[in-house]
Amino acid sequence: MGLFDGEIVTLDAMIIIHLADLRLLSSFFSWASGEIAITVAVLREAEYHKEGPIDLSESIKKGMIIKESMSDSKEIGLFQKYLGEGISGTQIHDGEASCLAVAIVNNYGLASDEKAVREEFARVLPNNLCLTSRMIIERAGDRDYLGKQQVREYVRGLLYL
C-alpha cells in the first residue's frame, strides 16, 4: 500500500513546487506511485518553478502519476464555477479550480496549500483525504518513508519556501 493507502489524491501545483524545492518530489512519487492525479492546468503551472519547469512526463509514462485532462462535463462545469465565482470571496486560478473539480467529481482526495480550496473540498467531501504539503511530509514519517528528524527538517524547510 502506498502513502495514501490506495486512495487517489489530486495535487495542486504548490504541493509539487514545495516538494520539488525540498528535493522530495521523486521520492514522493515513488511512495505514492499510482495514487497521484495531476490536471493539465497544474502541469502548466509547474512550468513556472523558479528553478525551471518541473517535467513530470517520465513519471506519467511510468504510471506513477495519473494525468487528468478534465474531459467530463461535470468536471468542466465545476471548474468553470470555481474559476468564475471563486470560493467564499477568494479568487482561485486554473490549477486550484481544476484539481478541486477533478477531486470532487471523481471522489479523489485533495492536496493543496490553499486554505479556501481545502475548506471547500472538506465541505463537499468531508470523508476524503485533504492534505497540505506539511501533512504529506508528516504522513511520510508516520509510514516510515522518512525518519522523525527528517520530518522535522523538511517541515522546518517549508517555512522558508
Protein backbone atom coordinates (compact mmCIF):
# COMPACT_ATOMS: atom_id res chain seq x y z
CA MET A 1 0.00 0.00 0.00
CA GLY A 2 1.27 3.47 -0.83
CA LEU A 3 1.46 6.75 1.02
CA PHE A 4 -2.28 7.37 0.55
CA ASP A 5 -3.40 3.79 1.26
CA GLY A 6 -4.64 3.27 -2.29
CA GLU A 7 -6.71 6.47 -2.42
CA ILE A 8 -6.02 8.71 -5.40
CA VAL A 9 -5.12 12.26 -4.41
CA THR A 10 -5.25 15.22 -6.79
CA LEU A 11 -2.35 17.63 -6.32
CA ASP A 12 -2.28 21.39 -6.67
CA ALA A 13 0.81 22.97 -8.25
CA MET A 14 2.12 24.43 -4.97
CA ILE A 15 2.36 20.93 -3.49
CA ILE A 16 4.51 19.86 -6.43
CA ILE A 17 6.61 23.02 -6.23
CA HIS A 18 7.13 22.75 -2.47
CA LEU A 19 8.16 19.09 -2.70
CA ALA A 20 10.50 19.95 -5.59
CA ASP A 21 12.06 22.78 -3.57
CA LEU A 22 12.65 20.34 -0.70
CA ARG A 23 14.19 17.83 -3.16
CA LEU A 24 11.49 15.31 -2.20
CA LEU A 25 9.50 15.11 -5.42
CA SER A 26 10.94 11.90 -6.90
CA SER A 27 10.79 10.15 -3.50
CA PHE A 28 7.18 11.31 -3.09
CA PHE A 29 6.25 9.88 -6.49
CA SER A 30 7.71 6.51 -5.55
CA TRP A 31 5.95 6.49 -2.14
CA ALA A 32 2.58 7.34 -3.73
CA SER A 33 3.03 5.70 -7.14
CA GLY A 34 -0.31 5.30 -8.88
CA GLU A 35 -2.10 7.31 -6.17
CA ILE A 36 -1.41 10.77 -7.61
CA ALA A 37 -3.63 12.62 -10.09
CA ILE A 38 -2.50 15.87 -11.72
CA THR A 39 -4.55 18.02 -14.06
CA VAL A 40 -3.21 19.57 -17.24
CA ALA A 41 -3.66 23.03 -15.70
CA VAL A 42 -1.48 22.02 -12.73
CA LEU A 43 1.16 20.64 -15.11
CA ARG A 44 1.20 24.04 -16.84
CA GLU A 45 1.58 25.87 -13.51
CA ALA A 46 4.50 23.62 -12.58
CA GLU A 47 6.34 25.08 -15.57
CA TYR A 48 6.76 28.31 -13.60
CA HIS A 49 9.04 26.85 -10.94
CA LYS A 50 11.86 29.25 -10.03
CA GLU A 51 14.49 26.66 -10.98
CA GLY A 52 12.85 25.95 -14.32
CA PRO A 53 9.95 23.80 -15.46
CA ILE A 54 9.19 20.68 -13.46
CA ASP A 55 8.98 17.90 -16.04
CA LEU A 56 6.63 15.13 -14.90
CA SER A 57 6.34 13.37 -18.27
CA GLU A 58 8.52 10.41 -17.27
CA SER A 59 6.51 9.80 -14.08
CA ILE A 60 3.31 9.97 -16.12
CA LYS A 61 4.69 7.50 -18.68
CA LYS A 62 5.67 5.09 -15.89
CA GLY A 63 2.12 5.25 -14.45
CA MET A 64 3.24 6.88 -11.20
CA ILE A 65 1.00 9.87 -11.95
CA ILE A 66 -2.47 9.87 -13.47
CA LYS A 67 -2.77 12.76 -15.91
CA GLU A 68 -6.31 14.16 -15.75
CA SER A 69 -7.39 16.07 -18.84
CA MET A 70 -10.77 17.21 -17.46
CA SER A 71 -12.94 15.93 -20.28
CA ASP A 72 -16.02 15.12 -18.19
CA SER A 73 -18.82 17.71 -18.41
CA LYS A 74 -19.27 17.70 -14.61
CA GLU A 75 -15.55 18.42 -14.12
CA ILE A 76 -15.66 21.23 -16.67
CA GLY A 77 -18.79 22.72 -15.11
CA LEU A 78 -17.31 22.72 -11.59
CA PHE A 79 -14.01 24.08 -12.91
CA GLN A 80 -15.80 26.99 -14.60
CA LYS A 81 -17.88 27.65 -11.48
CA TYR A 82 -14.87 27.79 -9.16
CA LEU A 83 -12.78 29.78 -11.61
CA GLY A 84 -15.54 32.29 -12.25
CA GLU A 85 -17.03 32.64 -8.77
CA GLY A 86 -14.07 31.79 -6.57
CA ILE A 87 -14.59 30.26 -3.16
CA SER A 88 -16.09 32.31 -0.32
CA GLY A 89 -14.73 35.53 -1.78
CA THR A 90 -11.31 34.08 -2.60
CA GLN A 91 -10.27 34.10 -6.25
CA ILE A 92 -8.58 30.90 -7.35
CA HIS A 93 -6.65 30.09 -10.50
CA ASP A 94 -6.80 27.36 -13.14
CA GLY A 95 -4.70 24.87 -11.19
CA GLU A 96 -6.67 25.10 -7.95
CA ALA A 97 -10.02 25.10 -9.77
CA SER A 98 -9.09 22.10 -11.90
CA CYS A 99 -7.69 19.95 -9.09
CA LEU A 100 -10.72 20.76 -6.92
CA ALA A 101 -13.18 19.90 -9.71
CA VAL A 102 -11.41 16.65 -10.62
CA ALA A 103 -11.13 15.57 -6.97
CA ILE A 104 -14.81 16.23 -6.27
CA VAL A 105 -16.24 14.63 -9.41
CA ASN A 106 -14.01 11.54 -9.16
CA ASN A 107 -14.27 11.17 -5.37
CA TYR A 108 -10.48 11.54 -5.01
CA GLY A 109 -8.53 13.04 -2.16
CA LEU A 110 -7.01 16.52 -2.48
CA ALA A 111 -3.64 18.06 -1.62
CA SER A 112 -3.46 21.85 -1.68
CA ASP A 113 -1.75 24.54 0.35
CA GLU A 114 -4.59 26.97 -0.45
CA LYS A 115 -6.85 27.14 2.62
CA ALA A 116 -10.01 28.15 0.73
CA VAL A 117 -9.61 25.19 -1.65
CA ARG A 118 -9.15 22.73 1.23
CA GLU A 119 -12.14 24.14 3.12
CA GLU A 120 -14.39 23.85 0.06
CA PHE A 121 -13.21 20.31 -0.60
CA ALA A 122 -13.77 19.29 3.04
CA ARG A 123 -17.25 20.81 2.91
CA VAL A 124 -18.18 18.77 -0.19
CA LEU A 125 -16.29 15.53 0.58
CA PRO A 126 -15.65 15.53 4.34
CA ASN A 127 -14.53 11.89 4.48
CA ASN A 128 -11.84 12.06 1.79
CA LEU A 129 -8.15 12.79 2.33
CA CYS A 130 -7.46 16.53 2.39
CA LEU A 131 -3.79 17.38 2.85
CA THR A 132 -1.21 20.17 2.84
CA SER A 133 2.49 19.89 1.98
CA ARG A 134 3.25 19.63 5.69
CA MET A 135 0.67 16.88 6.19
CA ILE A 136 2.19 14.89 3.30
CA ILE A 137 5.63 15.08 4.92
CA GLU A 138 4.22 14.09 8.31
CA ARG A 139 2.31 11.21 6.71
CA ALA A 140 5.55 10.04 5.06
CA GLY A 141 7.11 9.98 8.53
CA ASP A 142 4.15 8.11 10.02
CA ARG A 143 4.53 5.46 7.28
CA ASP A 144 8.32 5.20 7.85
CA TYR A 145 9.30 6.67 4.47
CA LEU A 146 11.10 9.40 6.46
CA GLY A 147 12.69 9.39 9.90
CA LYS A 148 11.50 11.69 12.68
CA GLN A 149 14.48 14.03 12.30
CA GLN A 150 13.97 14.22 8.53
CA VAL A 151 10.31 15.11 9.05
CA ARG A 152 11.29 17.93 11.42
CA GLU A 153 13.89 19.25 8.95
CA TYR A 154 11.54 19.14 5.96
CA VAL A 155 8.70 20.76 7.90
CA ARG A 156 11.10 23.49 9.00
CA GLY A 157 12.22 23.83 5.38
CA LEU A 158 8.63 24.55 4.32
CA LEU A 159 8.74 27.70 6.45
CA TYR A 160 11.46 29.12 4.21
CA LEU A 161 9.75 28.47 0.87
